[in-house]
Each structure stands twice: as C-alpha cells, then as structure tokens.
C-alpha atoms as a PDB file:
ATOM      1  CA  MET A   1    -178.753  92.430 192.180  1.00  0.00           C
ATOM      2  CA  LEU A   2    -177.379  95.028 189.811  1.00  0.00           C
ATOM      3  CA  THR A   3    -174.896  94.801 187.742  1.00  0.00           C
ATOM      4  CA  ASP A   4    -171.396  96.708 186.924  1.00  0.00           C
ATOM      5  CA  LEU A   5    -173.333  98.922 184.092  1.00  0.00           C
ATOM      6  CA  GLN A   6    -176.234  99.559 186.159  1.00  0.00           C
ATOM      7  CA  ARG A   7    -174.276 100.471 189.350  1.00  0.00           C
ATOM      8  CA  LEU A   8    -171.937 102.591 187.171  1.00  0.00           C
ATOM      9  CA  GLU A   9    -175.019 104.371 185.554  1.00  0.00           C
ATOM     10  CA  HIS A  10    -176.508 105.327 188.855  1.00  0.00           C
ATOM     11  CA  MET A  11    -172.980 106.611 189.803  1.00  0.00           C
ATOM     12  CA  ILE A  12    -173.438 108.573 187.082  1.00  0.00           C
ATOM     13  CA  GLU A  13    -176.460 109.807 187.952  1.00  0.00           C
ATOM     14  CA  ASN A  14    -175.515 110.571 191.585  1.00  0.00           C
ATOM     15  CA  ALA A  15    -172.404 112.588 189.866  1.00  0.00           C
ATOM     16  CA  GLU A  16    -174.865 114.577 188.059  1.00  0.00           C
ATOM     17  CA  LEU A  17    -177.094 115.261 190.678  1.00  0.00           C
ATOM     18  CA  LEU A  18    -173.915 116.768 192.900  1.00  0.00           C
ATOM     19  CA  LEU A  19    -173.385 119.178 189.673  1.00  0.00           C
ATOM     20  CA  ARG A  20    -176.815 119.794 189.415  1.00  0.00           C
ATOM     21  CA  PHE A  21    -177.110 120.966 193.292  1.00  0.00           C
ATOM     22  CA  ALA A  22    -173.774 122.676 192.899  1.00  0.00           C
ATOM     23  CA  ALA A  23    -174.941 124.742 189.609  1.00  0.00           C
ATOM     24  CA  ASN A  24    -175.459 128.309 190.244  1.00  0.00           C
ATOM     25  CA  LEU A  25    -174.370 128.784 193.774  1.00  0.00           C
ATOM     26  CA  SER A  26    -171.743 130.295 195.685  1.00  0.00           C
ATOM     27  CA  GLU A  27    -169.662 128.514 198.335  1.00  0.00           C
ATOM     28  CA  GLU A  28    -171.329 130.679 200.966  1.00  0.00           C
ATOM     29  CA  GLU A  29    -174.842 129.854 199.753  1.00  0.00           C
ATOM     30  CA  TYR A  30    -174.183 126.436 199.873  1.00  0.00           C
ATOM     31  CA  ALA A  31    -172.722 126.928 203.572  1.00  0.00           C
ATOM     32  CA  SER A  32    -175.820 128.456 204.709  1.00  0.00           C
ATOM     33  CA  SER A  33    -178.364 125.818 203.036  1.00  0.00           C
ATOM     34  CA  VAL A  34    -179.066 122.838 204.835  1.00  0.00           C
ATOM     35  CA  GLU A  35    -181.408 121.277 202.596  1.00  0.00           C
ATOM     36  CA  LYS A  36    -178.097 121.649 199.985  1.00  0.00           C
ATOM     37  CA  GLN A  37    -175.713 119.827 202.202  1.00  0.00           C
ATOM     38  CA  TYR A  38    -178.136 117.199 202.922  1.00  0.00           C
ATOM     39  CA  ALA A  39    -178.518 116.440 199.261  1.00  0.00           C
ATOM     40  CA  MET A  40    -174.959 116.770 198.346  1.00  0.00           C
ATOM     41  CA  LYS A  41    -174.010 114.235 201.485  1.00  0.00           C
ATOM     42  CA  PHE A  42    -177.073 111.501 200.147  1.00  0.00           C
ATOM     43  CA  ALA A  43    -175.453 111.898 196.532  1.00  0.00           C
ATOM     44  CA  PHE A  44    -172.173 111.110 198.196  1.00  0.00           C
ATOM     45  CA  VAL A  45    -173.740 107.615 200.131  1.00  0.00           C
ATOM     46  CA  MET A  46    -175.556 106.580 197.030  1.00  0.00           C
ATOM     47  CA  LEU A  47    -171.815 107.260 195.362  1.00  0.00           C
ATOM     48  CA  GLY A  48    -170.037 105.245 197.355  1.00  0.00           C
ATOM     49  CA  GLU A  49    -172.802 102.023 197.644  1.00  0.00           C
ATOM     50  CA  ASP A  50    -172.133 102.119 194.365  1.00  0.00           C
ATOM     51  CA  ALA A  51    -168.747 102.097 193.965  1.00  0.00           C
ATOM     52  CA  ALA A  52    -168.337  99.140 196.640  1.00  0.00           C
ATOM     53  CA  ALA A  53    -170.671  97.476 194.841  1.00  0.00           C
ATOM     54  CA  ILE A  54    -168.903  97.363 191.860  1.00  0.00           C
ATOM     55  CA  SER A  55    -166.843  93.708 190.865  1.00  0.00           C
ATOM     56  CA  GLU A  56    -163.265  93.789 191.780  1.00  0.00           C
ATOM     57  CA  GLU A  57    -162.769  92.290 188.263  1.00  0.00           C
ATOM     58  CA  LEU A  58    -163.972  95.882 186.899  1.00  0.00           C
ATOM     59  CA  LYS A  59    -162.005  97.458 189.814  1.00  0.00           C
ATOM     60  CA  LEU A  60    -159.220  96.195 188.558  1.00  0.00           C
ATOM     61  CA  LYS A  61    -159.806  97.043 184.795  1.00  0.00           C
ATOM     62  CA  TYR A  62    -160.394 100.778 185.279  1.00  0.00           C
ATOM     63  CA  PRO A  63    -157.694 102.113 188.227  1.00  0.00           C
ATOM     64  CA  VAL A  64    -158.226 105.406 187.109  1.00  0.00           C
ATOM     65  CA  ILE A  65    -161.635 105.500 188.911  1.00  0.00           C
ATOM     66  CA  PRO A  66    -160.709 106.266 192.545  1.00  0.00           C
ATOM     67  CA  TRP A  67    -163.424 103.304 193.963  1.00  0.00           C
ATOM     68  CA  GLN A  68    -161.534 103.198 196.617  1.00  0.00           C
ATOM     69  CA  LYS A  69    -161.704 107.312 197.804  1.00  0.00           C
ATOM     70  CA  ILE A  70    -165.620 107.559 197.145  1.00  0.00           C
ATOM     71  CA  ARG A  71    -166.546 104.753 199.423  1.00  0.00           C
ATOM     72  CA  SER A  72    -164.227 106.115 202.188  1.00  0.00           C
ATOM     73  CA  MET A  73    -165.734 109.571 201.195  1.00  0.00           C
ATOM     74  CA  ARG A  74    -169.370 107.286 201.142  1.00  0.00           C
ATOM     75  CA  ASN A  75    -167.947 106.155 205.183  1.00  0.00           C
ATOM     76  CA  THR A  76    -167.050 109.769 206.529  1.00  0.00           C
ATOM     77  CA  VAL A  77    -170.509 111.402 205.163  1.00  0.00           C
ATOM     78  CA  ALA A  78    -171.987 108.394 206.852  1.00  0.00           C
ATOM     79  CA  HIS A  79    -170.663 107.365 209.646  1.00  0.00           C
ATOM     80  CA  ASP A  80    -168.372 110.551 211.285  1.00  0.00           C
ATOM     81  CA  TYR A  81    -170.866 112.442 209.549  1.00  0.00           C
ATOM     82  CA  LEU A  82    -170.517 115.058 213.057  1.00  0.00           C
ATOM     83  CA  LYS A  83    -166.559 115.356 211.550  1.00  0.00           C
ATOM     84  CA  THR A  84    -167.795 116.141 207.901  1.00  0.00           C
ATOM     85  CA  GLU A  85    -166.810 119.409 206.844  1.00  0.00           C
ATOM     86  CA  GLU A  86    -168.913 121.745 204.542  1.00  0.00           C
ATOM     87  CA  GLU A  87    -165.720 122.891 202.736  1.00  0.00           C
ATOM     88  CA  ILE A  88    -164.743 119.272 201.871  1.00  0.00           C
ATOM     89  CA  ILE A  89    -167.632 118.521 200.473  1.00  0.00           C
ATOM     90  CA  TRP A  90    -168.441 121.207 198.359  1.00  0.00           C
ATOM     91  CA  GLU A  91    -164.396 121.437 197.499  1.00  0.00           C
ATOM     92  CA  THR A  92    -164.907 117.832 196.059  1.00  0.00           C
ATOM     93  CA  VAL A  93    -167.847 118.593 193.911  1.00  0.00           C
ATOM     94  CA  ALA A  94    -166.225 121.763 192.677  1.00  0.00           C
ATOM     95  CA  ARG A  95    -162.983 119.992 191.872  1.00  0.00           C
ATOM     96  CA  ASP A  96    -163.355 116.047 191.171  1.00  0.00           C
ATOM     97  CA  ILE A  97    -167.070 115.083 190.330  1.00  0.00           C
ATOM     98  CA  GLU A  98    -167.053 116.688 186.709  1.00  0.00           C
ATOM     99  CA  PRO A  99    -163.713 114.685 185.964  1.00  0.00           C
ATOM    100  CA  LEU A 100    -165.099 111.411 188.036  1.00  0.00           C
ATOM    101  CA  ARG A 101    -168.630 111.478 185.887  1.00  0.00           C
ATOM    102  CA  GLN A 102    -166.354 112.088 182.363  1.00  0.00           C
ATOM    103  CA  LYS A 103    -164.151 108.897 183.583  1.00  0.00           C
ATOM    104  CA  LEU A 104    -167.406 107.319 184.601  1.00  0.00           C
ATOM    105  CA  LEU A 105    -169.070 107.777 181.333  1.00  0.00           C
ATOM    106  CA  GLN A 106    -165.912 106.484 179.274  1.00  0.00           C
ATOM    107  CA  VAL A 107    -165.719 103.141 181.393  1.00  0.00           C
ATOM    108  CA  LYS A 108    -169.580 102.369 180.486  1.00  0.00           C
ATOM    109  CA  SER A 109    -169.641 103.373 176.474  1.00  0.00           C
ATOM    110  CA  GLU A 110    -166.150 100.879 176.935  1.00  0.00           C
ATOM    111  CA  LEU A 111    -168.683  98.310 178.731  1.00  0.00           C
ATOM    112  CA  GLN A 112    -171.498  99.047 176.253  1.00  0.00           C
ATOM    113  CA  THR A 113    -169.285  97.897 173.185  1.00  0.00           C
END
C-alpha cells in the first residue's frame, strides 16, 4: 500500500505529464490528436485514482486541494468516456493543472518537514 506522500508524488508526476503533453500545443492541435487526447485522459485517471486513495485525515487537513473534483474528473473520463468533452479536458489542463501542481508541491513539502 502506498503512503500519502507516495500518492502525492504520483499526483505531481501526472500533473507534470499533463502540462508536458499540452506544452507548445494549440487547442486545435489537441483536438486533432487522438494520441494527446488519450494520454491526457489516462493522466487524469491516474490523478483521480491517487486522489481517492489519499487518507481522509490528509484530505481534511488540506481542503485547498479539490480532492472530490479530481476524483469526479477521473470517474467521468473512466466511466463516461463517450460523454467526455475534449474542450473540458483542454480547459482543465490549461486553467487548473499548474495551480493544482503548486498546491500539491506545498502539501508534499509540509509532509516532508
């Protein structure tokens, strides 16, 4: 079983992958790249799996992390994939992933002290 710290590290890795997949890519290029779409969706699934496995204690201690929203995104991508709108994936990466990464790094730093 992975620790909360290991889960956080994995979440950070997946956030960084999402940012890397989107780097130097326009929304139109993303929309036409099935490979990028699948890669980003899988990273969201992994992000949500780790968020769900974080202890309730840590989730309560750090409500600044949108734990449930991360899990909900994972559920939508994994179970309602036919309804997943590529625009939502793109907008989430463009708007939310870097701030999330920063918050996760802060939590990780606090756990390591």
